[in-house]
Structures are given as structure tokens and as C-alpha cells.
Amino acid sequence: MTDTPHPTTAYKILTAGQWAHFRRHGVFHGAPVDLDDGYIHLSAADQLQGTLDKHFAGQSDLVIAEVDLAALGESVKWEVSRGGALFPHIYGPLPMEAVRGVRGA
């Protein structure tokens, strides 16, 4: 592990239905896997394609939300996950104000 600071941007992959609910309510409390694990899973830019391949293969109508981690403060924890890599996790809700942009997958 290096002493390189963590990125300030990460990505949340959502289904179209999850994105619509998020937009309507202005806050996202998590997908079923997030609720089960107790935190919202995110991926750094270099982890995004691996997450898409592993957890969303064959799915269409996906939305990728670009998340400003600095706006979330101490609710973000970088923790060991797939392949021993550190992934960003949000312990708490994701407010729409922390989303910098969206795009399709």
C-alpha cells in the first residue's frame, strides 16, 4: 500500500429504478446489497469496470453517479474488498448534493 491520498471522486452504479427513486427523494439509502452490508458500495475510477463486470453483467439501463467524496466527510471509509483493494464505502445515506454528474453504463 502506498501513501497516495485517496481519490475525492467515486462512482455508484444504480439501476434506472434506483436512480429514479434517488432523484425523486433527493437521498439514496442503498441498493439491497448495500442495506444487507450496512454501507453503500462505491468504486474508484479504476475499479468501476471490474464492478460492472462482476455485479452488473448483462444488465441494461444502468446509471453511474459520480460522487464527491469530500462532500460526505467522515461517512466515507476506504476498506479492503475485492482482490484486497481498498474500496470507498459510505456509512450513511448518499444525498443528491454529493452527486457531481451521471452517465449511462
N, C-alpha and C. Protein backbone atom coordinates (compact mmCIF):
# COMPACT_ATOMS: atom_id res chain seq x y z
N MET A 1 0.85 -1.17 0.00
CA MET A 1 0.00 0.00 0.00
C MET A 1 0.90 1.24 0.00
N THR A 2 0.46 2.26 -0.75
CA THR A 2 1.24 3.49 -0.82
C THR A 2 0.61 4.55 0.06
N ASP A 3 1.32 5.65 0.20
CA ASP A 3 0.80 6.77 0.98
C ASP A 3 0.04 7.76 0.10
N THR A 4 -0.28 7.35 -1.13
CA THR A 4 -1.03 8.20 -2.04
C THR A 4 -2.40 8.48 -1.45
N PRO A 5 -2.83 9.75 -1.47
CA PRO A 5 -4.16 10.05 -0.94
C PRO A 5 -5.24 9.38 -1.78
N HIS A 6 -6.34 9.11 -1.15
CA HIS A 6 -7.47 8.50 -1.86
C HIS A 6 -8.09 9.52 -2.80
N PRO A 7 -8.67 9.04 -3.89
CA PRO A 7 -9.38 9.95 -4.80
C PRO A 7 -10.52 10.65 -4.06
N THR A 8 -10.90 11.80 -4.57
CA THR A 8 -12.02 12.53 -3.97
C THR A 8 -13.32 12.28 -4.73
N THR A 9 -13.22 11.45 -5.77
CA THR A 9 -14.39 11.09 -6.56
C THR A 9 -14.51 9.57 -6.60
N ALA A 10 -15.73 9.08 -6.49
CA ALA A 10 -16.00 7.66 -6.65
C ALA A 10 -17.33 7.53 -7.39
N TYR A 11 -17.72 6.29 -7.68
CA TYR A 11 -18.87 6.05 -8.53
C TYR A 11 -19.81 5.04 -7.91
N LYS A 12 -21.11 5.33 -8.02
CA LYS A 12 -22.16 4.42 -7.57
C LYS A 12 -22.94 3.98 -8.80
N ILE A 13 -23.05 2.67 -8.97
CA ILE A 13 -23.82 2.11 -10.08
C ILE A 13 -25.23 1.84 -9.57
N LEU A 14 -26.21 2.37 -10.29
CA LEU A 14 -27.61 2.23 -9.90
C LEU A 14 -28.42 1.71 -11.07
N THR A 15 -29.48 1.00 -10.77
CA THR A 15 -30.44 0.65 -11.81
C THR A 15 -31.23 1.90 -12.15
N ALA A 16 -31.92 1.89 -13.27
CA ALA A 16 -32.74 3.04 -13.65
C ALA A 16 -33.80 3.31 -12.59
N GLY A 17 -34.37 2.27 -12.03
CA GLY A 17 -35.38 2.42 -10.98
C GLY A 17 -34.80 3.04 -9.71
N GLN A 18 -33.61 2.59 -9.33
CA GLN A 18 -32.96 3.17 -8.16
C GLN A 18 -32.64 4.65 -8.40
N TRP A 19 -32.17 4.98 -9.59
CA TRP A 19 -31.85 6.36 -9.92
C TRP A 19 -33.11 7.23 -9.88
N ALA A 20 -34.20 6.73 -10.43
CA ALA A 20 -35.46 7.49 -10.41
C ALA A 20 -35.91 7.76 -8.97
N HIS A 21 -35.80 6.75 -8.12
CA HIS A 21 -36.17 6.91 -6.71
C HIS A 21 -35.26 7.93 -6.03
N PHE A 22 -33.96 7.84 -6.30
CA PHE A 22 -32.96 8.76 -5.76
C PHE A 22 -33.30 10.20 -6.17
N ARG A 23 -33.58 10.41 -7.46
CA ARG A 23 -33.91 11.75 -7.95
C ARG A 23 -35.18 12.28 -7.31
N ARG A 24 -36.15 11.42 -7.16
CA ARG A 24 -37.45 11.83 -6.59
C ARG A 24 -37.31 12.24 -5.13
N HIS A 25 -36.50 11.50 -4.36
CA HIS A 25 -36.40 11.72 -2.92
C HIS A 25 -35.18 12.55 -2.50
N GLY A 26 -34.21 12.69 -3.40
CA GLY A 26 -33.03 13.51 -3.09
C GLY A 26 -32.02 12.84 -2.18
N VAL A 27 -32.25 11.58 -1.86
CA VAL A 27 -31.33 10.84 -0.99
C VAL A 27 -31.42 9.36 -1.36
N PHE A 28 -30.28 8.68 -1.29
CA PHE A 28 -30.23 7.24 -1.59
C PHE A 28 -29.73 6.52 -0.35
N HIS A 29 -30.53 5.57 0.11
CA HIS A 29 -30.17 4.82 1.32
C HIS A 29 -29.49 3.49 0.99
N GLY A 30 -29.46 3.14 -0.29
CA GLY A 30 -28.74 1.94 -0.69
C GLY A 30 -29.58 0.96 -1.48
N ALA A 31 -28.88 0.19 -2.29
CA ALA A 31 -29.47 -0.94 -3.00
C ALA A 31 -29.60 -2.09 -2.00
N PRO A 32 -30.31 -3.14 -2.37
CA PRO A 32 -30.44 -4.27 -1.43
C PRO A 32 -29.10 -4.77 -0.87
N VAL A 33 -28.07 -4.88 -1.70
CA VAL A 33 -26.77 -5.35 -1.20
C VAL A 33 -26.17 -4.36 -0.20
N ASP A 34 -26.38 -3.07 -0.45
CA ASP A 34 -25.87 -2.04 0.47
C ASP A 34 -26.58 -2.16 1.82
N LEU A 35 -27.89 -2.29 1.78
CA LEU A 35 -28.66 -2.41 3.02
C LEU A 35 -28.26 -3.66 3.79
N ASP A 36 -28.02 -4.75 3.07
CA ASP A 36 -27.59 -6.00 3.72
C ASP A 36 -26.22 -5.85 4.39
N ASP A 37 -25.31 -5.13 3.72
CA ASP A 37 -23.94 -4.99 4.22
C ASP A 37 -23.76 -3.85 5.22
N GLY A 38 -24.72 -2.94 5.28
CA GLY A 38 -24.65 -1.85 6.24
C GLY A 38 -23.91 -0.61 5.76
N TYR A 39 -23.60 -0.55 4.47
CA TYR A 39 -22.95 0.63 3.88
C TYR A 39 -23.23 0.64 2.39
N ILE A 40 -23.05 1.80 1.79
CA ILE A 40 -23.25 1.94 0.35
C ILE A 40 -21.92 1.69 -0.35
N HIS A 41 -21.93 0.72 -1.25
CA HIS A 41 -20.75 0.35 -2.03
C HIS A 41 -20.50 1.36 -3.13
N LEU A 42 -19.26 1.80 -3.24
CA LEU A 42 -18.83 2.66 -4.34
C LEU A 42 -17.58 2.04 -4.96
N SER A 43 -17.21 2.56 -6.11
CA SER A 43 -15.96 2.14 -6.77
C SER A 43 -15.18 3.37 -7.17
N ALA A 44 -13.86 3.30 -7.04
CA ALA A 44 -12.99 4.34 -7.59
C ALA A 44 -12.98 4.16 -9.11
N ALA A 45 -12.47 5.15 -9.82
CA ALA A 45 -12.49 5.12 -11.29
C ALA A 45 -11.84 3.85 -11.84
N ASP A 46 -10.71 3.44 -11.29
CA ASP A 46 -10.01 2.26 -11.80
C ASP A 46 -10.66 0.94 -11.38
N GLN A 47 -11.67 0.99 -10.54
CA GLN A 47 -12.38 -0.20 -10.08
C GLN A 47 -13.74 -0.36 -10.76
N LEU A 48 -14.19 0.70 -11.42
CA LEU A 48 -15.55 0.74 -11.94
C LEU A 48 -15.86 -0.37 -12.93
N GLN A 49 -15.00 -0.58 -13.90
CA GLN A 49 -15.28 -1.62 -14.90
C GLN A 49 -15.33 -3.00 -14.27
N GLY A 50 -14.46 -3.28 -13.33
CA GLY A 50 -14.49 -4.57 -12.64
C GLY A 50 -15.78 -4.78 -11.88
N THR A 51 -16.29 -3.71 -11.26
CA THR A 51 -17.56 -3.80 -10.54
C THR A 51 -18.70 -4.04 -11.51
N LEU A 52 -18.70 -3.32 -12.63
CA LEU A 52 -19.72 -3.55 -13.65
C LEU A 52 -19.69 -4.99 -14.13
N ASP A 53 -18.50 -5.50 -14.44
CA ASP A 53 -18.36 -6.87 -14.95
C ASP A 53 -18.79 -7.91 -13.93
N LYS A 54 -18.43 -7.72 -12.68
CA LYS A 54 -18.70 -8.72 -11.65
C LYS A 54 -20.14 -8.70 -11.15
N HIS A 55 -20.70 -7.51 -10.96
CA HIS A 55 -22.00 -7.42 -10.29
C HIS A 55 -23.16 -6.98 -11.18
N PHE A 56 -22.87 -6.49 -12.39
CA PHE A 56 -23.93 -5.95 -13.23
C PHE A 56 -23.90 -6.50 -14.66
N ALA A 57 -23.18 -7.58 -14.88
CA ALA A 57 -23.05 -8.16 -16.22
C ALA A 57 -24.43 -8.47 -16.80
N GLY A 58 -24.63 -8.07 -18.04
CA GLY A 58 -25.87 -8.36 -18.74
C GLY A 58 -27.02 -7.43 -18.41
N GLN A 59 -26.83 -6.52 -17.47
CA GLN A 59 -27.91 -5.59 -17.11
C GLN A 59 -27.85 -4.36 -18.02
N SER A 60 -29.01 -3.85 -18.34
CA SER A 60 -29.07 -2.62 -19.13
C SER A 60 -29.73 -1.54 -18.29
N ASP A 61 -29.82 -0.36 -18.83
CA ASP A 61 -30.44 0.77 -18.15
C ASP A 61 -29.78 1.08 -16.81
N LEU A 62 -28.46 0.97 -16.78
CA LEU A 62 -27.73 1.32 -15.57
C LEU A 62 -27.30 2.79 -15.62
N VAL A 63 -27.21 3.39 -14.46
CA VAL A 63 -26.78 4.77 -14.32
C VAL A 63 -25.56 4.78 -13.40
N ILE A 64 -24.55 5.53 -13.80
CA ILE A 64 -23.36 5.69 -12.97
C ILE A 64 -23.36 7.11 -12.43
N ALA A 65 -23.44 7.22 -11.11
CA ALA A 65 -23.42 8.53 -10.45
C ALA A 65 -22.00 8.82 -9.99
N GLU A 66 -21.50 9.98 -10.35
CA GLU A 66 -20.18 10.44 -9.91
C GLU A 66 -20.37 11.14 -8.56
N VAL A 67 -19.71 10.63 -7.53
CA VAL A 67 -19.93 11.08 -6.17
C VAL A 67 -18.72 11.85 -5.65
N ASP A 68 -18.99 13.02 -5.08
CA ASP A 68 -17.96 13.86 -4.46
C ASP A 68 -17.76 13.35 -3.04
N LEU A 69 -16.69 12.60 -2.83
CA LEU A 69 -16.44 12.00 -1.51
C LEU A 69 -16.14 13.05 -0.45
N ALA A 70 -15.51 14.15 -0.85
CA ALA A 70 -15.19 15.20 0.11
C ALA A 70 -16.46 15.77 0.74
N ALA A 71 -17.55 15.81 -0.03
CA ALA A 71 -18.81 16.33 0.47
C ALA A 71 -19.44 15.43 1.53
N LEU A 72 -18.97 14.19 1.60
CA LEU A 72 -19.55 13.21 2.53
C LEU A 72 -18.77 13.10 3.83
N GLY A 73 -17.61 13.73 3.88
CA GLY A 73 -16.84 13.77 5.12
C GLY A 73 -16.48 12.40 5.67
N GLU A 74 -16.64 12.27 6.97
CA GLU A 74 -16.21 11.06 7.67
C GLU A 74 -17.12 9.86 7.48
N SER A 75 -18.23 10.03 6.75
CA SER A 75 -19.08 8.87 6.48
C SER A 75 -18.44 7.92 5.47
N VAL A 76 -17.38 8.39 4.78
CA VAL A 76 -16.68 7.55 3.79
C VAL A 76 -15.51 6.84 4.46
N LYS A 77 -15.47 5.53 4.28
CA LYS A 77 -14.37 4.71 4.78
C LYS A 77 -13.80 3.92 3.60
N TRP A 78 -12.50 3.87 3.49
CA TRP A 78 -11.84 3.06 2.47
C TRP A 78 -11.50 1.73 3.13
N GLU A 79 -12.09 0.64 2.61
CA GLU A 79 -11.94 -0.67 3.24
C GLU A 79 -11.56 -1.73 2.22
N VAL A 80 -10.84 -2.72 2.69
CA VAL A 80 -10.40 -3.82 1.84
C VAL A 80 -11.61 -4.60 1.35
N SER A 81 -11.60 -4.86 0.05
CA SER A 81 -12.68 -5.62 -0.57
C SER A 81 -12.08 -6.49 -1.67
N ARG A 82 -12.73 -6.55 -2.80
CA ARG A 82 -12.36 -7.44 -3.91
C ARG A 82 -10.86 -7.39 -4.21
N GLY A 83 -10.23 -8.54 -4.16
CA GLY A 83 -8.82 -8.65 -4.51
C GLY A 83 -7.87 -7.94 -3.56
N GLY A 84 -8.34 -7.60 -2.37
CA GLY A 84 -7.51 -6.91 -1.40
C GLY A 84 -7.40 -5.41 -1.63
N ALA A 85 -8.11 -4.90 -2.64
CA ALA A 85 -8.07 -3.47 -2.94
C ALA A 85 -8.94 -2.69 -1.96
N LEU A 86 -8.58 -1.44 -1.74
CA LEU A 86 -9.39 -0.56 -0.90
C LEU A 86 -10.51 0.05 -1.74
N PHE A 87 -11.73 -0.09 -1.25
CA PHE A 87 -12.91 0.47 -1.92
C PHE A 87 -13.56 1.49 -1.00
N PRO A 88 -14.15 2.54 -1.58
CA PRO A 88 -14.87 3.52 -0.77
C PRO A 88 -16.26 3.01 -0.40
N HIS A 89 -16.60 3.12 0.86
CA HIS A 89 -17.92 2.74 1.37
C HIS A 89 -18.50 3.93 2.12
N ILE A 90 -19.79 4.18 1.95
CA ILE A 90 -20.47 5.26 2.66
C ILE A 90 -21.28 4.66 3.80
N TYR A 91 -20.99 5.08 5.00
CA TYR A 91 -21.77 4.66 6.17
C TYR A 91 -22.78 5.76 6.48
N GLY A 92 -23.90 5.67 5.84
CA GLY A 92 -24.96 6.66 5.95
C GLY A 92 -25.58 6.85 4.58
N PRO A 93 -26.54 7.75 4.49
CA PRO A 93 -27.21 7.98 3.21
C PRO A 93 -26.33 8.79 2.25
N LEU A 94 -26.64 8.65 0.98
CA LEU A 94 -25.98 9.44 -0.07
C LEU A 94 -26.94 10.54 -0.50
N PRO A 95 -26.63 11.80 -0.18
CA PRO A 95 -27.51 12.89 -0.59
C PRO A 95 -27.24 13.29 -2.04
N MET A 96 -28.28 13.74 -2.72
CA MET A 96 -28.14 14.17 -4.12
C MET A 96 -27.10 15.28 -4.26
N GLU A 97 -26.94 16.10 -3.23
CA GLU A 97 -25.98 17.20 -3.29
C GLU A 97 -24.54 16.72 -3.49
N ALA A 98 -24.27 15.46 -3.17
CA ALA A 98 -22.91 14.92 -3.33
C ALA A 98 -22.69 14.34 -4.73
N VAL A 99 -23.71 14.32 -5.56
CA VAL A 99 -23.58 13.77 -6.92
C VAL A 99 -23.18 14.89 -7.86
N ARG A 100 -22.01 14.71 -8.48
CA ARG A 100 -21.47 15.72 -9.41
C ARG A 100 -22.03 15.57 -10.83
N GLY A 101 -22.40 14.36 -11.17
CA GLY A 101 -22.89 14.09 -12.53
C GLY A 101 -23.31 12.65 -12.66
N VAL A 102 -23.96 12.33 -13.77
CA VAL A 102 -24.40 10.97 -14.06
C VAL A 102 -24.19 10.67 -15.53
N ARG A 103 -24.07 9.38 -15.79
CA ARG A 103 -23.95 8.91 -17.16
C ARG A 103 -24.46 7.48 -17.23
N GLY A 104 -24.73 7.01 -18.41
CA GLY A 104 -25.12 5.62 -18.58
C GLY A 104 -23.92 4.72 -18.52
N ALA A 105 -24.17 3.46 -18.22
CA ALA A 105 -23.08 2.48 -18.13
C ALA A 105 -22.78 1.91 -19.50
